[in-house]
PDB file of N, CA and C in Angstrom:
ATOM      1  N   UNK A   1     -10.284  17.131  10.064  1.00  0.00           N
ATOM      2  CA  UNK A   1     -11.768  17.089  10.555  1.00  0.00           C
ATOM      3  C   UNK A   1     -12.553  16.373   9.496  1.00  0.00           C
ATOM      4  N   UNK A   2     -12.118  16.315   8.270  1.00  0.00           N
ATOM      5  CA  UNK A   2     -12.827  15.724   7.205  1.00  0.00           C
ATOM      6  C   UNK A   2     -12.826  14.192   7.310  1.00  0.00           C
ATOM      7  N   UNK A   3     -11.798  13.634   7.881  1.00  0.00           N
ATOM      8  CA  UNK A   3     -11.723  12.165   8.041  1.00  0.00           C
ATOM      9  C   UNK A   3     -12.917  11.574   8.793  1.00  0.00           C
ATOM     10  N   UNK A   4     -13.291  12.116   9.913  1.00  0.00           N
ATOM     11  CA  UNK A   4     -14.418  11.608  10.681  1.00  0.00           C
ATOM     12  C   UNK A   4     -15.699  11.754   9.852  1.00  0.00           C
ATOM     13  N   UNK A   5     -15.883  12.787   9.083  1.00  0.00           N
ATOM     14  CA  UNK A   5     -17.006  12.951   8.333  1.00  0.00           C
ATOM     15  C   UNK A   5     -17.141  11.896   7.155  1.00  0.00           C
ATOM     16  N   UNK A   6     -15.978  11.614   6.524  1.00  0.00           N
ATOM     17  CA  UNK A   6     -15.972  10.566   5.528  1.00  0.00           C
ATOM     18  C   UNK A   6     -16.245   9.247   6.097  1.00  0.00           C
ATOM     19  N   UNK A   7     -15.663   9.013   7.313  1.00  0.00           N
ATOM     20  CA  UNK A   7     -15.951   7.775   7.974  1.00  0.00           C
ATOM     21  C   UNK A   7     -17.404   7.588   8.297  1.00  0.00           C
ATOM     22  N   UNK A   8     -18.020   8.697   8.780  1.00  0.00           N
ATOM     23  CA  UNK A   8     -19.412   8.665   9.133  1.00  0.00           C
ATOM     24  C   UNK A   8     -20.282   8.415   7.878  1.00  0.00           C
ATOM     25  N   UNK A   9     -19.836   9.075   6.776  1.00  0.00           N
ATOM     26  CA  UNK A   9     -20.628   8.876   5.514  1.00  0.00           C
ATOM     27  C   UNK A   9     -20.469   7.499   5.026  1.00  0.00           C
ATOM     28  N   UNK A  10     -19.357   6.820   5.219  1.00  0.00           N
ATOM     29  CA  UNK A  10     -19.187   5.414   4.863  1.00  0.00           C
ATOM     30  C   UNK A  10     -20.104   4.523   5.753  1.00  0.00           C
ATOM     31  N   UNK A  11     -20.119   4.809   7.063  1.00  0.00           N
ATOM     32  CA  UNK A  11     -20.921   4.100   7.981  1.00  0.00           C
ATOM     33  C   UNK A  11     -22.354   4.225   7.625  1.00  0.00           C
ATOM     34  N   UNK A  12     -22.788   5.512   7.266  1.00  0.00           N
ATOM     35  CA  UNK A  12     -24.199   5.692   6.933  1.00  0.00           C
ATOM     36  C   UNK A  12     -24.516   4.927   5.669  1.00  0.00           C
ATOM     37  N   UNK A  13     -23.661   4.873   4.681  1.00  0.00           N
ATOM     38  CA  UNK A  13     -23.970   4.110   3.412  1.00  0.00           C
ATOM     39  C   UNK A  13     -24.042   2.672   3.693  1.00  0.00           C
ATOM     40  N   UNK A  14     -23.214   2.170   4.621  1.00  0.00           N
ATOM     41  CA  UNK A  14     -23.323   0.723   4.979  1.00  0.00           C
ATOM     42  C   UNK A  14     -24.633   0.496   5.667  1.00  0.00           C
ATOM     43  N   UNK A  15     -25.077   1.412   6.580  1.00  0.00           N
ATOM     44  CA  UNK A  15     -26.339   1.228   7.182  1.00  0.00           C
ATOM     45  C   UNK A  15     -27.522   1.194   6.188  1.00  0.00           C
ATOM     46  N   UNK A  16     -27.438   2.104   5.171  1.00  0.00           N
ATOM     47  CA  UNK A  16     -28.540   2.166   4.116  1.00  0.00           C
ATOM     48  C   UNK A  16     -28.568   0.846   3.379  1.00  0.00           C
ATOM     49  N   UNK A  17     -27.379   0.311   3.029  1.00  0.00           N
ATOM     50  CA  UNK A  17     -27.361  -0.926   2.283  1.00  0.00           C
ATOM     51  C   UNK A  17     -28.012  -2.050   3.089  1.00  0.00           C
ATOM     52  N   UNK A  18     -27.570  -2.138   4.425  1.00  0.00           N
ATOM     53  CA  UNK A  18     -28.161  -3.129   5.311  1.00  0.00           C
ATOM     54  C   UNK A  18     -29.663  -3.002   5.365  1.00  0.00           C
ATOM     55  N   UNK A  19     -30.095  -1.716   5.490  1.00  0.00           N
ATOM     56  CA  UNK A  19     -31.538  -1.551   5.612  1.00  0.00           C
ATOM     57  C   UNK A  19     -32.282  -1.932   4.383  1.00  0.00           C
ATOM     58  N   UNK A  20     -31.715  -1.595   3.192  1.00  0.00           N
ATOM     59  CA  UNK A  20     -32.386  -2.072   2.023  1.00  0.00           C
ATOM     60  C   UNK A  20     -32.349  -3.616   1.835  1.00  0.00           C
ATOM     61  N   UNK A  21     -31.272  -4.207   2.246  1.00  0.00           N
ATOM     62  CA  UNK A  21     -31.242  -5.723   2.275  1.00  0.00           C
ATOM     63  C   UNK A  21     -32.275  -6.318   3.153  1.00  0.00           C
ATOM     64  N   UNK A  22     -32.377  -5.695   4.328  1.00  0.00           N
ATOM     65  CA  UNK A  22     -33.383  -6.208   5.334  1.00  0.00           C
ATOM     66  C   UNK A  22     -34.829  -5.992   4.773  1.00  0.00           C
ATOM     67  N   UNK A  23     -35.083  -5.008   4.072  1.00  0.00           N
ATOM     68  CA  UNK A  23     -36.468  -4.707   3.642  1.00  0.00           C
ATOM     69  C   UNK A  23     -36.837  -5.512   2.416  1.00  0.00           C
ATOM     70  N   UNK A  24     -35.855  -6.210   1.813  1.00  0.00           N
ATOM     71  CA  UNK A  24     -36.091  -7.040   0.653  1.00  0.00           C
ATOM     72  C   UNK A  24     -35.704  -6.387  -0.623  1.00  0.00           C
ATOM     73  N   UNK A  25     -35.468  -5.110  -0.629  1.00  0.00           N
ATOM     74  CA  UNK A  25     -35.094  -4.478  -1.882  1.00  0.00           C
ATOM     75  C   UNK A  25     -33.601  -4.545  -2.007  1.00  0.00           C
ATOM     76  N   UNK A  26     -33.110  -5.128  -3.085  1.00  0.00           N
ATOM     77  CA  UNK A  26     -31.643  -5.271  -3.187  1.00  0.00           C
ATOM     78  C   UNK A  26     -31.159  -4.335  -4.194  1.00  0.00           C
ATOM     79  N   UNK A  27     -29.914  -3.840  -3.902  1.00  0.00           N
ATOM     80  CA  UNK A  27     -29.233  -2.937  -4.851  1.00  0.00           C
ATOM     81  C   UNK A  27     -28.347  -3.787  -5.704  1.00  0.00           C
ATOM     82  N   UNK A  28     -28.245  -3.298  -6.959  1.00  0.00           N
ATOM     83  CA  UNK A  28     -27.376  -3.931  -7.885  1.00  0.00           C
ATOM     84  C   UNK A  28     -25.937  -3.497  -7.659  1.00  0.00           C
ATOM     85  N   UNK A  29     -25.002  -4.460  -7.548  1.00  0.00           N
ATOM     86  CA  UNK A  29     -23.637  -4.194  -7.321  1.00  0.00           C
ATOM     87  C   UNK A  29     -22.913  -4.371  -8.602  1.00  0.00           C
ATOM     88  N   UNK A  30     -22.279  -3.269  -9.064  1.00  0.00           N
ATOM     89  CA  UNK A  30     -21.595  -3.285 -10.391  1.00  0.00           C
ATOM     90  C   UNK A  30     -20.244  -4.025 -10.275  1.00  0.00           C
ATOM     91  N   UNK A  31     -19.482  -3.748  -9.309  1.00  0.00           N
ATOM     92  CA  UNK A  31     -18.127  -4.461  -9.171  1.00  0.00           C
ATOM     93  C   UNK A  31     -18.205  -5.195  -7.804  1.00  0.00           C
ATOM     94  N   UNK A  32     -18.583  -6.402  -7.856  1.00  0.00           N
ATOM     95  CA  UNK A  32     -18.580  -7.142  -6.545  1.00  0.00           C
ATOM     96  C   UNK A  32     -17.183  -7.402  -6.076  1.00  0.00           C
ATOM     97  N   UNK A  33     -16.950  -7.168  -4.771  1.00  0.00           N
ATOM     98  CA  UNK A  33     -15.580  -7.483  -4.265  1.00  0.00           C
ATOM     99  C   UNK A  33     -15.788  -8.290  -2.998  1.00  0.00           C
ATOM    100  N   UNK A  34     -14.768  -9.116  -2.744  1.00  0.00           N
ATOM    101  CA  UNK A  34     -14.894  -9.974  -1.574  1.00  0.00           C
ATOM    102  C   UNK A  34     -14.591  -9.204  -0.334  1.00  0.00           C
ATOM    103  N   UNK A  35     -15.612  -9.081   0.525  1.00  0.00           N
ATOM    104  CA  UNK A  35     -15.414  -8.389   1.772  1.00  0.00           C
ATOM    105  C   UNK A  35     -15.548  -9.406   2.919  1.00  0.00           C
ATOM    106  N   UNK A  36     -14.533  -9.448   3.728  1.00  0.00           N
ATOM    107  CA  UNK A  36     -14.674 -10.400   4.797  1.00  0.00           C
ATOM    108  C   UNK A  36     -15.260  -9.696   6.024  1.00  0.00           C
ATOM    109  N   UNK A  37     -15.898 -10.652   6.808  1.00  0.00           N
ATOM    110  CA  UNK A  37     -16.572 -10.064   8.091  1.00  0.00           C
ATOM    111  C   UNK A  37     -15.576  -9.412   8.994  1.00  0.00           C
ATOM    112  N   UNK A  38     -14.373 -10.086   9.071  1.00  0.00           N
ATOM    113  CA  UNK A  38     -13.332  -9.621   9.979  1.00  0.00           C
ATOM    114  C   UNK A  38     -12.835  -8.224   9.604  1.00  0.00           C
ATOM    115  N   UNK A  39     -12.669  -7.945   8.314  1.00  0.00           N
ATOM    116  CA  UNK A  39     -12.277  -6.629   7.764  1.00  0.00           C
ATOM    117  C   UNK A  39     -13.325  -5.590   8.042  1.00  0.00           C
ATOM    118  N   UNK A  40     -14.575  -5.952   7.797  1.00  0.00           N
ATOM    119  CA  UNK A  40     -15.663  -4.988   8.035  1.00  0.00           C
ATOM    120  C   UNK A  40     -15.798  -4.700   9.512  1.00  0.00           C
ATOM    121  N   UNK A  41     -15.643  -5.654  10.332  1.00  0.00           N
ATOM    122  CA  UNK A  41     -15.769  -5.493  11.805  1.00  0.00           C
ATOM    123  C   UNK A  41     -14.533  -4.670  12.269  1.00  0.00           C
ATOM    124  N   UNK A  42     -13.367  -4.890  11.823  1.00  0.00           N
ATOM    125  CA  UNK A  42     -12.197  -4.096  12.227  1.00  0.00           C
ATOM    126  C   UNK A  42     -12.364  -2.654  11.739  1.00  0.00           C
ATOM    127  N   UNK A  43     -12.803  -2.397  10.563  1.00  0.00           N
ATOM    128  CA  UNK A  43     -12.996  -1.088  10.042  1.00  0.00           C
ATOM    129  C   UNK A  43     -14.021  -0.331  10.864  1.00  0.00           C
ATOM    130  N   UNK A  44     -15.058  -0.968  11.205  1.00  0.00           N
ATOM    131  CA  UNK A  44     -16.163  -0.397  12.023  1.00  0.00           C
ATOM    132  C   UNK A  44     -15.702  -0.047  13.387  1.00  0.00           C
ATOM    133  N   UNK A  45     -14.954  -0.944  13.975  1.00  0.00           N
ATOM    134  CA  UNK A  45     -14.402  -0.672  15.337  1.00  0.00           C
ATOM    135  C   UNK A  45     -13.371   0.503  15.275  1.00  0.00           C
ATOM    136  N   UNK A  46     -12.594   0.577  14.252  1.00  0.00           N
ATOM    137  CA  UNK A  46     -11.683   1.730  14.031  1.00  0.00           C
ATOM    138  C   UNK A  46     -12.463   3.059  13.919  1.00  0.00           C
ATOM    139  N   UNK A  47     -13.605   2.968  13.164  1.00  0.00           N
ATOM    140  CA  UNK A  47     -14.385   4.169  12.943  1.00  0.00           C
ATOM    141  C   UNK A  47     -14.974   4.672  14.342  1.00  0.00           C
ATOM    142  N   UNK A  48     -15.467   3.696  15.147  1.00  0.00           N
ATOM    143  CA  UNK A  48     -16.010   4.113  16.462  1.00  0.00           C
ATOM    144  C   UNK A  48     -14.935   4.578  17.312  1.00  0.00           C
ATOM    145  N   UNK A  49     -13.781   4.017  17.300  1.00  0.00           N
ATOM    146  CA  UNK A  49     -12.637   4.470  18.057  1.00  0.00           C
ATOM    147  C   UNK A  49     -12.263   5.912  17.651  1.00  0.00           C
ATOM    148  N   UNK A  50     -12.166   6.169  16.330  1.00  0.00           N
ATOM    149  CA  UNK A  50     -11.895   7.515  15.855  1.00  0.00           C
ATOM    150  C   UNK A  50     -12.964   8.518  16.318  1.00  0.00           C
ATOM    151  N   UNK A  51     -14.187   8.166  16.276  1.00  0.00           N
ATOM    152  CA  UNK A  51     -15.253   9.095  16.768  1.00  0.00           C
ATOM    153  C   UNK A  51     -15.093   9.362  18.218  1.00  0.00           C
ATOM    154  N   UNK A  52     -14.784   8.354  19.017  1.00  0.00           N
ATOM    155  CA  UNK A  52     -14.610   8.552  20.428  1.00  0.00           C
ATOM    156  C   UNK A  52     -13.309   9.374  20.647  1.00  0.00           C
ATOM    157  N   UNK A  53     -12.287   9.183  19.942  1.00  0.00           N
ATOM    158  CA  UNK A  53     -11.041   9.986  20.169  1.00  0.00           C
ATOM    159  C   UNK A  53     -11.286  11.426  19.746  1.00  0.00           C
ATOM    160  N   UNK A  54     -12.061  11.663  18.658  1.00  0.00           N
ATOM    161  CA  UNK A  54     -12.248  13.023  18.239  1.00  0.00           C
ATOM    162  C   UNK A  54     -13.124  13.694  19.299  1.00  0.00           C
ATOM    163  N   UNK A  55     -14.127  13.037  19.803  1.00  0.00           N
ATOM    164  CA  UNK A  55     -14.967  13.583  20.869  1.00  0.00           C
ATOM    165  C   UNK A  55     -14.182  14.035  22.065  1.00  0.00           C
ATOM    166  N   UNK A  56     -13.275  13.081  22.539  1.00  0.00           N
ATOM    167  CA  UNK A  56     -12.411  13.396  23.628  1.00  0.00           C
ATOM    168  C   UNK A  56     -11.555  14.583  23.465  1.00  0.00           C
ATOM    169  N   UNK A  57     -10.972  14.671  22.265  1.00  0.00           N
ATOM    170  CA  UNK A  57     -10.089  15.840  21.846  1.00  0.00           C
ATOM    171  C   UNK A  57     -10.828  17.107  21.876  1.00  0.00           C
ATOM    172  N   UNK A  58     -12.114  17.088  21.330  1.00  0.00           N
ATOM    173  CA  UNK A  58     -12.944  18.271  21.294  1.00  0.00           C
ATOM    174  C   UNK A  58     -13.329  18.690  22.727  1.00  0.00           C
ATOM    175  N   UNK A  59     -13.613  17.734  23.609  1.00  0.00           N
ATOM    176  CA  UNK A  59     -13.999  18.091  24.967  1.00  0.00           C
ATOM    177  C   UNK A  59     -12.711  18.719  25.704  1.00  0.00           C
ATOM    178  N   UNK A  60     -11.599  18.116  25.498  1.00  0.00           N
ATOM    179  CA  UNK A  60     -10.464  18.639  26.159  1.00  0.00           C
ATOM    180  C   UNK A  60     -10.123  20.090  25.624  1.00  0.00           C
ATOM    181  N   UNK A  61     -10.202  20.276  24.288  1.00  0.00           N
ATOM    182  CA  UNK A  61      -9.939  21.558  23.820  1.00  0.00           C
ATOM    183  C   UNK A  61     -10.933  22.630  24.331  1.00  0.00           C
ATOM    184  N   UNK A  62     -12.259  22.237  24.418  1.00  0.00           N
ATOM    185  CA  UNK A  62     -13.220  23.099  24.851  1.00  0.00           C
ATOM    186  C   UNK A  62     -13.001  23.482  26.321  1.00  0.00           C
ATOM    187  N   UNK A  63     -12.570  22.480  27.153  1.00  0.00           N
ATOM    188  CA  UNK A  63     -12.346  22.771  28.525  1.00  0.00           C
ATOM    189  C   UNK A  63     -11.138  23.625  28.731  1.00  0.00           C
ATOM    190  N   UNK A  64     -10.172  23.618  27.881  1.00  0.00           N
ATOM    191  CA  UNK A  64      -9.037  24.410  27.945  1.00  0.00           C
ATOM    192  C   UNK A  64      -9.176  25.838  27.421  1.00  0.00           C
ATOM    193  N   UNK A  65     -10.359  26.095  26.900  1.00  0.00           N
ATOM    194  CA  UNK A  65     -10.761  27.475  26.416  1.00  0.00           C
ATOM    195  C   UNK A  65     -10.521  27.688  24.960  1.00  0.00           C
ATOM    196  N   UNK A  66     -10.382  26.641  24.121  1.00  0.00           N
ATOM    197  CA  UNK A  66     -10.187  26.886  22.741  1.00  0.00           C
ATOM    198  C   UNK A  66     -11.502  27.375  22.126  1.00  0.00           C
ATOM    199  N   UNK A  67     -11.412  27.986  20.913  1.00  0.00           N
ATOM    200  CA  UNK A  67     -12.561  28.618  20.297  1.00  0.00           C
ATOM    201  C   UNK A  67     -13.309  27.557  19.506  1.00  0.00           C
ATOM    202  N   UNK A  68     -13.957  26.683  20.266  1.00  0.00           N
ATOM    203  CA  UNK A  68     -14.760  25.606  19.727  1.00  0.00           C
ATOM    204  C   UNK A  68     -16.159  25.698  20.283  1.00  0.00           C
ATOM    205  N   UNK A  69     -17.251  25.804  19.393  1.00  0.00           N
ATOM    206  CA  UNK A  69     -18.637  25.955  19.892  1.00  0.00           C
ATOM    207  C   UNK A  69     -19.039  24.716  20.681  1.00  0.00           C
ATOM    208  N   UNK A  70     -19.789  24.979  21.670  1.00  0.00           N
ATOM    209  CA  UNK A  70     -20.341  23.856  22.532  1.00  0.00           C
ATOM    210  C   UNK A  70     -21.198  22.917  21.721  1.00  0.00           C
ATOM    211  N   UNK A  71     -21.900  23.433  20.717  1.00  0.00           N
ATOM    212  CA  UNK A  71     -22.740  22.615  19.840  1.00  0.00           C
ATOM    213  C   UNK A  71     -21.818  21.571  19.116  1.00  0.00           C
ATOM    214  N   UNK A  72     -20.712  21.970  18.576  1.00  0.00           N
ATOM    215  CA  UNK A  72     -19.802  21.066  17.989  1.00  0.00           C
ATOM    216  C   UNK A  72     -19.272  19.925  18.914  1.00  0.00           C
ATOM    217  N   UNK A  73     -19.051  20.327  20.150  1.00  0.00           N
ATOM    218  CA  UNK A  73     -18.543  19.354  21.160  1.00  0.00           C
ATOM    219  C   UNK A  73     -19.663  18.329  21.477  1.00  0.00           C
ATOM    220  N   UNK A  74     -20.902  18.812  21.650  1.00  0.00           N
ATOM    221  CA  UNK A  74     -21.952  18.014  21.966  1.00  0.00           C
ATOM    222  C   UNK A  74     -22.371  17.092  20.873  1.00  0.00           C
ATOM    223  N   UNK A  75     -22.318  17.526  19.656  1.00  0.00           N
ATOM    224  CA  UNK A  75     -22.643  16.697  18.416  1.00  0.00           C
ATOM    225  C   UNK A  75     -21.554  15.522  18.297  1.00  0.00           C
ATOM    226  N   UNK A  76     -20.315  15.975  18.529  1.00  0.00           N
ATOM    227  CA  UNK A  76     -19.291  14.895  18.438  1.00  0.00           C
ATOM    228  C   UNK A  76     -19.446  13.899  19.519  1.00  0.00           C
ATOM    229  N   UNK A  77     -19.852  14.344  20.695  1.00  0.00           N
ATOM    230  CA  UNK A  77     -20.130  13.393  21.824  1.00  0.00           C
ATOM    231  C   UNK A  77     -21.261  12.470  21.533  1.00  0.00           C
ATOM    232  N   UNK A  78     -22.324  13.032  21.005  1.00  0.00           N
ATOM    233  CA  UNK A  78     -23.529  12.229  20.696  1.00  0.00           C
ATOM    234  C   UNK A  78     -23.312  11.222  19.552  1.00  0.00           C
ATOM    235  N   UNK A  79     -22.465  11.664  18.570  1.00  0.00           N
ATOM    236  CA  UNK A  79     -22.107  10.789  17.471  1.00  0.00           C
ATOM    237  C   UNK A  79     -21.315   9.581  17.952  1.00  0.00           C
ATOM    238  N   UNK A  80     -20.311   9.897  18.864  1.00  0.00           N
ATOM    239  CA  UNK A  80     -19.535   8.824  19.393  1.00  0.00           C
ATOM    240  C   UNK A  80     -20.373   7.904  20.226  1.00  0.00           C
ATOM    241  N   UNK A  81     -21.350   8.423  21.084  1.00  0.00           N
ATOM    242  CA  UNK A  81     -22.165   7.683  21.897  1.00  0.00           C
ATOM    243  C   UNK A  81     -23.094   6.765  21.041  1.00  0.00           C
ATOM    244  N   UNK A  82     -23.645   7.305  20.007  1.00  0.00           N
ATOM    245  CA  UNK A  82     -24.531   6.549  19.164  1.00  0.00           C
ATOM    246  C   UNK A  82     -23.819   5.406  18.397  1.00  0.00           C
ATOM    247  N   UNK A  83     -22.570   5.742  17.945  1.00  0.00           N
ATOM    248  CA  UNK A  83     -21.766   4.729  17.235  1.00  0.00           C
ATOM    249  C   UNK A  83     -21.452   3.598  18.196  1.00  0.00           C
ATOM    250  N   UNK A  84     -21.096   4.014  19.473  1.00  0.00           N
ATOM    251  CA  UNK A  84     -20.751   2.941  20.465  1.00  0.00           C
ATOM    252  C   UNK A  84     -21.988   2.055  20.794  1.00  0.00           C
ATOM    253  N   UNK A  85     -23.136   2.677  21.019  1.00  0.00           N
ATOM    254  CA  UNK A  85     -24.313   1.905  21.358  1.00  0.00           C
ATOM    255  C   UNK A  85     -24.741   1.003  20.162  1.00  0.00           C
ATOM    256  N   UNK A  86     -24.588   1.476  18.905  1.00  0.00           N
ATOM    257  CA  UNK A  86     -24.914   0.586  17.775  1.00  0.00           C
ATOM    258  C   UNK A  86     -23.954  -0.619  17.760  1.00  0.00           C
ATOM    259  N   UNK A  87     -22.648  -0.317  17.969  1.00  0.00           N
ATOM    260  CA  UNK A  87     -21.677  -1.409  18.045  1.00  0.00           C
ATOM    261  C   UNK A  87     -22.041  -2.387  19.163  1.00  0.00           C
ATOM    262  N   UNK A  88     -22.388  -1.949  20.308  1.00  0.00           N
ATOM    263  CA  UNK A  88     -22.758  -2.807  21.445  1.00  0.00           C
ATOM    264  C   UNK A  88     -23.993  -3.632  21.102  1.00  0.00           C
ATOM    265  N   UNK A  89     -24.943  -3.110  20.403  1.00  0.00           N
ATOM    266  CA  UNK A  89     -26.138  -3.804  20.007  1.00  0.00           C
ATOM    267  C   UNK A  89     -25.760  -4.924  18.962  1.00  0.00           C
ATOM    268  N   UNK A  90     -24.845  -4.616  18.077  1.00  0.00           N
ATOM    269  CA  UNK A  90     -24.443  -5.605  17.070  1.00  0.00           C
ATOM    270  C   UNK A  90     -23.706  -6.760  17.830  1.00  0.00           C
ATOM    271  N   UNK A  91     -22.855  -6.411  18.837  1.00  0.00           N
ATOM    272  CA  UNK A  91     -22.094  -7.423  19.552  1.00  0.00           C
ATOM    273  C   UNK A  91     -23.069  -8.320  20.296  1.00  0.00           C
ATOM    274  N   UNK A  92     -24.152  -7.689  20.939  1.00  0.00           N
ATOM    275  CA  UNK A  92     -25.096  -8.504  21.638  1.00  0.00           C
ATOM    276  C   UNK A  92     -25.868  -9.466  20.645  1.00  0.00           C
ATOM    277  N   UNK A  93     -26.193  -8.995  19.469  1.00  0.00           N
ATOM    278  CA  UNK A  93     -26.877  -9.847  18.525  1.00  0.00           C
ATOM    279  C   UNK A  93     -25.981 -10.947  18.035  1.00  0.00           C
ATOM    280  N   UNK A  94     -24.671 -10.657  17.843  1.00  0.00           N
ATOM    281  CA  UNK A  94     -23.762 -11.750  17.418  1.00  0.00           C
ATOM    282  C   UNK A  94     -23.589 -12.805  18.421  1.00  0.00           C
ATOM    283  N   UNK A  95     -23.433 -12.334  19.689  1.00  0.00           N
ATOM    284  CA  UNK A  95     -23.275 -13.299  20.837  1.00  0.00           C
ATOM    285  C   UNK A  95     -24.480 -14.131  20.958  1.00  0.00           C
ATOM    286  N   UNK A  96     -25.748 -13.494  20.877  1.00  0.00           N
ATOM    287  CA  UNK A  96     -26.957 -14.308  20.990  1.00  0.00           C
ATOM    288  C   UNK A  96     -27.032 -15.385  19.835  1.00  0.00           C
ATOM    289  N   UNK A  97     -26.639 -14.944  18.625  1.00  0.00           N
ATOM    290  CA  UNK A  97     -26.625 -15.922  17.549  1.00  0.00           C
ATOM    291  C   UNK A  97     -25.672 -17.064  17.771  1.00  0.00           C
ATOM    292  N   UNK A  98     -24.547 -16.730  18.219  1.00  0.00           N
ATOM    293  CA  UNK A  98     -23.493 -17.738  18.542  1.00  0.00           C
ATOM    294  C   UNK A  98     -23.997 -18.703  19.584  1.00  0.00           C
ATOM    295  N   UNK A  99     -24.625 -18.156  20.667  1.00  0.00           N
ATOM    296  CA  UNK A  99     -25.129 -19.033  21.753  1.00  0.00           C
ATOM    297  C   UNK A  99     -26.314 -19.973  21.215  1.00  0.00           C
ATOM    298  N   UNK A 100     -27.149 -19.421  20.234  1.00  0.00           N
ATOM    299  CA  UNK A 100     -28.215 -20.215  19.706  1.00  0.00           C
ATOM    300  C   UNK A 100     -27.612 -21.309  18.887  1.00  0.00           C
ATOM    301  N   UNK A 101     -26.546 -21.046  18.161  1.00  0.00           N
ATOM    302  CA  UNK A 101     -25.945 -22.086  17.384  1.00  0.00           C
ATOM    303  C   UNK A 101     -25.260 -23.122  18.197  1.00  0.00           C
ATOM    304  N   UNK A 102     -24.600 -22.695  19.273  1.00  0.00           N
ATOM    305  CA  UNK A 102     -23.925 -23.657  20.176  1.00  0.00           C
ATOM    306  C   UNK A 102     -24.891 -24.503  21.000  1.00  0.00           C
ATOM    307  N   UNK A 103     -26.171 -24.017  21.175  1.00  0.00           N
ATOM    308  CA  UNK A 103     -27.034 -24.754  21.899  1.00  0.00           C
ATOM    309  C   UNK A 103     -27.958 -25.701  21.068  1.00  0.00           C
ATOM    310  N   UNK A 104     -27.717 -25.743  19.706  1.00  0.00           N
ATOM    311  CA  UNK A 104     -28.445 -26.581  18.852  1.00  0.00           C
ATOM    312  C   UNK A 104     -27.937 -28.057  18.986  1.00  0.00           C
ATOM    313  N   UNK A 105     -28.949 -28.948  19.010  1.00  0.00           N
ATOM    314  CA  UNK A 105     -28.548 -30.304  19.166  1.00  0.00           C
ATOM    315  C   UNK A 105     -27.851 -30.855  17.828  1.00  0.00           C
ATOM    316  N   UNK A 106     -26.902 -31.708  17.993  1.00  0.00           N
ATOM    317  CA  UNK A 106     -26.218 -32.280  16.873  1.00  0.00           C
ATOM    318  C   UNK A 106     -26.804 -33.425  16.351  1.00  0.00           C
TER     319      UNK A 106
END
């Protein structure tokens, strides 16, 4: 159960970094590492998938009568829905940017 929390913490730290970059305040990076877009995208998709799988497992366990509080099930469901919606919005923005680039005159 700690793996989804660490994944969520990593996702939140990435969101904070992106937010600070967008606002113009940059953070100092002590050990810069080469991070590719494909790796970051893959990790993010795996995180969203893990959240959805965890949510589904909690729902199934709750329906079968396991001793899981409804609040925990609903929180996991909302986390997975929020992560999916954020991923969907990023996909839409990337596609729009791609279409803008493709429609530029040469």
